[in-house]
Amino acid sequence: MLDKAARSATLRRLRTERRHRDAAARYAMLDASVTETEASIRKEHAQAKACVHSGHYSKADYARVLARQAQALDALAMLRAELESLVAQRSVVGDEMADAGRARLRAEKKREKIVDFRRKVALAERNALERSEIDDILEVKSYVQ
């Protein structure tokens, strides 16, 4: 039973670690995407501003650029929200990993107690047998005298 509990705790810890690694990889990917999107927005805005001032863009073209930037900013906000969700998820996963570790330690301690108890019972049985043999020897000795 305790082996099953220890295995269960170990498997839960392994699943939690895998989820943690997956979340960390997703976080890194999203963080890179956020950085790239921010840089793209800044670059496009600077180019559009330069083109409007130099006369290459009409105000309508500039409005379209601003609309694309607004869409990019919305996407960026969604990415940031997902990043925050992943950060929260990582803390939950960390708590679950700690819980799984504690459960495994409790199962191992219980197993150690059971092994110790069995050892003590075996020792007590052996001592009782030896005591019985000693009593038999003393009884025989008392008959002999």
Protein backbone atom coordinates (compact mmCIF):
# COMPACT_ATOMS: atom_id res chain seq x y z
CA MET A 1 0.00 0.00 0.00
CA LEU A 2 2.79 2.40 0.91
CA ASP A 3 4.75 1.53 -2.21
CA LYS A 4 1.65 2.45 -4.19
CA ALA A 5 1.40 5.78 -2.31
CA ALA A 6 5.09 6.49 -2.90
CA ARG A 7 4.77 5.63 -6.61
CA SER A 8 1.67 7.77 -6.88
CA ALA A 9 3.43 10.70 -5.23
CA THR A 10 6.46 10.24 -7.49
CA LEU A 11 4.30 10.07 -10.62
CA ARG A 12 2.37 13.14 -9.52
CA ARG A 13 5.66 14.97 -8.98
CA LEU A 14 6.92 13.91 -12.43
CA ARG A 15 3.68 15.06 -14.12
CA THR A 16 3.87 18.34 -12.24
CA GLU A 17 7.51 18.84 -13.25
CA ARG A 18 6.59 18.16 -16.89
CA ARG A 19 3.76 20.71 -16.70
CA HIS A 20 6.20 23.16 -15.13
CA ARG A 21 8.71 22.65 -17.96
CA ASP A 22 5.94 23.02 -20.56
CA ALA A 23 4.73 26.22 -18.92
CA ALA A 24 8.28 27.58 -18.75
CA ALA A 25 8.83 26.84 -22.46
CA ARG A 26 5.49 28.43 -23.37
CA TYR A 27 6.34 31.43 -21.21
CA ALA A 28 9.68 31.87 -22.99
CA MET A 29 8.00 31.59 -26.39
CA LEU A 30 5.28 34.09 -25.48
CA ASP A 31 7.78 36.47 -23.93
CA ALA A 32 9.82 36.42 -27.14
CA SER A 33 6.64 37.00 -29.14
CA VAL A 34 5.70 39.97 -26.94
CA THR A 35 9.15 41.50 -27.37
CA GLU A 36 9.06 40.93 -31.13
CA THR A 37 5.55 42.41 -31.44
CA GLU A 38 6.52 45.47 -29.41
CA ALA A 39 9.57 46.04 -31.61
CA SER A 40 7.50 45.60 -34.76
CA ILE A 41 4.89 48.10 -33.55
CA ARG A 42 7.54 50.68 -32.71
CA LYS A 43 9.31 50.20 -36.03
CA GLU A 44 6.13 50.40 -38.10
CA HIS A 45 4.95 53.47 -36.21
CA ALA A 46 8.28 55.24 -36.73
CA GLN A 47 8.24 54.38 -40.45
CA ALA A 48 4.65 55.54 -40.87
CA LYS A 49 5.37 58.79 -39.07
CA ALA A 50 8.42 59.41 -41.26
CA CYS A 51 6.44 58.66 -44.42
CA VAL A 52 3.57 60.99 -43.44
CA HIS A 53 5.95 63.83 -42.67
CA SER A 54 7.85 63.34 -45.92
CA GLY A 55 4.64 63.14 -47.96
CA HIS A 56 4.94 59.48 -49.03
CA TYR A 57 1.79 58.47 -47.09
CA SER A 58 -1.57 60.06 -47.20
CA LYS A 59 -3.49 60.52 -44.00
CA ALA A 60 -5.70 57.56 -45.00
CA ASP A 61 -2.61 55.36 -45.34
CA TYR A 62 -1.46 56.55 -41.93
CA ALA A 63 -4.91 55.73 -40.49
CA ARG A 64 -4.62 52.18 -41.89
CA VAL A 65 -1.19 51.84 -40.29
CA LEU A 66 -2.65 53.02 -36.98
CA ALA A 67 -5.49 50.48 -37.32
CA ARG A 68 -2.96 47.68 -37.89
CA GLN A 69 -1.04 48.91 -34.85
CA ALA A 70 -4.23 48.85 -32.79
CA GLN A 71 -4.78 45.23 -33.81
CA ALA A 72 -1.18 44.43 -32.95
CA LEU A 73 -1.61 46.13 -29.57
CA ASP A 74 -4.73 44.05 -28.92
CA ALA A 75 -2.79 40.91 -29.77
CA LEU A 76 0.00 42.12 -27.51
CA ALA A 77 -2.44 42.65 -24.65
CA MET A 78 -3.75 39.10 -25.14
CA LEU A 79 -0.19 37.76 -25.11
CA ARG A 80 0.55 39.66 -21.90
CA ALA A 81 -2.63 38.29 -20.29
CA GLU A 82 -1.60 34.77 -21.28
CA LEU A 83 1.87 35.40 -19.84
CA GLU A 84 0.35 36.50 -16.54
CA SER A 85 -1.82 33.38 -16.56
CA LEU A 86 1.27 31.24 -17.12
CA VAL A 87 3.07 32.95 -14.25
CA ALA A 88 0.13 32.14 -11.97
CA GLN A 89 0.04 28.60 -13.34
CA ARG A 90 3.76 28.18 -12.64
CA SER A 91 3.25 29.13 -9.00
CA VAL A 92 0.39 26.61 -8.70
CA VAL A 93 2.58 23.95 -10.31
CA GLY A 94 5.35 24.79 -7.85
CA ASP A 95 2.92 24.32 -4.96
CA GLU A 96 1.76 21.01 -6.43
CA MET A 97 5.38 19.87 -6.77
CA ALA A 98 6.00 20.69 -3.13
CA ASP A 99 2.81 18.84 -2.11
CA ALA A 100 3.84 15.78 -4.13
CA GLY A 101 7.30 15.85 -2.56
CA ARG A 102 5.82 16.05 0.93
CA ALA A 103 3.41 13.18 0.15
CA ARG A 104 6.30 11.05 -1.09
CA LEU A 105 8.31 11.81 2.06
CA ARG A 106 5.32 10.92 4.27
CA ALA A 107 4.90 7.62 2.42
CA GLU A 108 8.60 6.85 2.78
CA LYS A 109 8.51 7.64 6.51
CA LYS A 110 5.49 5.37 6.95
CA ARG A 111 7.28 2.63 5.04
CA GLU A 112 10.34 3.07 7.27
CA LYS A 113 8.14 2.85 10.38
CA ILE A 114 6.54 -0.35 9.11
CA VAL A 115 9.92 -1.88 8.29
CA ASP A 116 11.19 -0.86 11.73
CA PHE A 117 8.07 -2.30 13.40
CA ARG A 118 8.46 -5.59 11.49
CA ARG A 119 12.11 -5.74 12.50
CA LYS A 120 11.17 -5.20 16.14
CA VAL A 121 8.45 -7.87 15.96
CA ALA A 122 10.91 -10.34 14.43
CA LEU A 123 13.45 -9.49 17.14
CA ALA A 124 10.80 -9.92 19.85
CA GLU A 125 9.80 -13.30 18.40
CA ARG A 126 13.44 -14.39 18.26
CA ASN A 127 13.97 -13.20 21.84
CA ALA A 128 10.83 -15.06 22.97
CA LEU A 129 12.08 -18.23 21.28
CA GLU A 130 15.49 -17.86 22.90
CA ARG A 131 13.83 -17.16 26.28
CA SER A 132 11.73 -20.31 25.80
CA GLU A 133 14.87 -22.34 25.01
CA ILE A 134 16.61 -20.90 28.08
CA ASP A 135 13.58 -21.78 30.23
CA ASP A 136 13.63 -25.34 28.83
CA ILE A 137 17.34 -25.63 29.61
CA LEU A 138 16.77 -24.34 33.15
CA GLU A 139 13.88 -26.77 33.63
CA VAL A 140 16.02 -29.68 32.46
CA LYS A 141 18.85 -28.49 34.71
CA SER A 142 16.49 -28.34 37.70
CA TYR A 143 15.39 -31.97 37.03
CA VAL A 144 19.00 -33.05 36.81
CA GLN A 145 19.84 -31.56 40.19
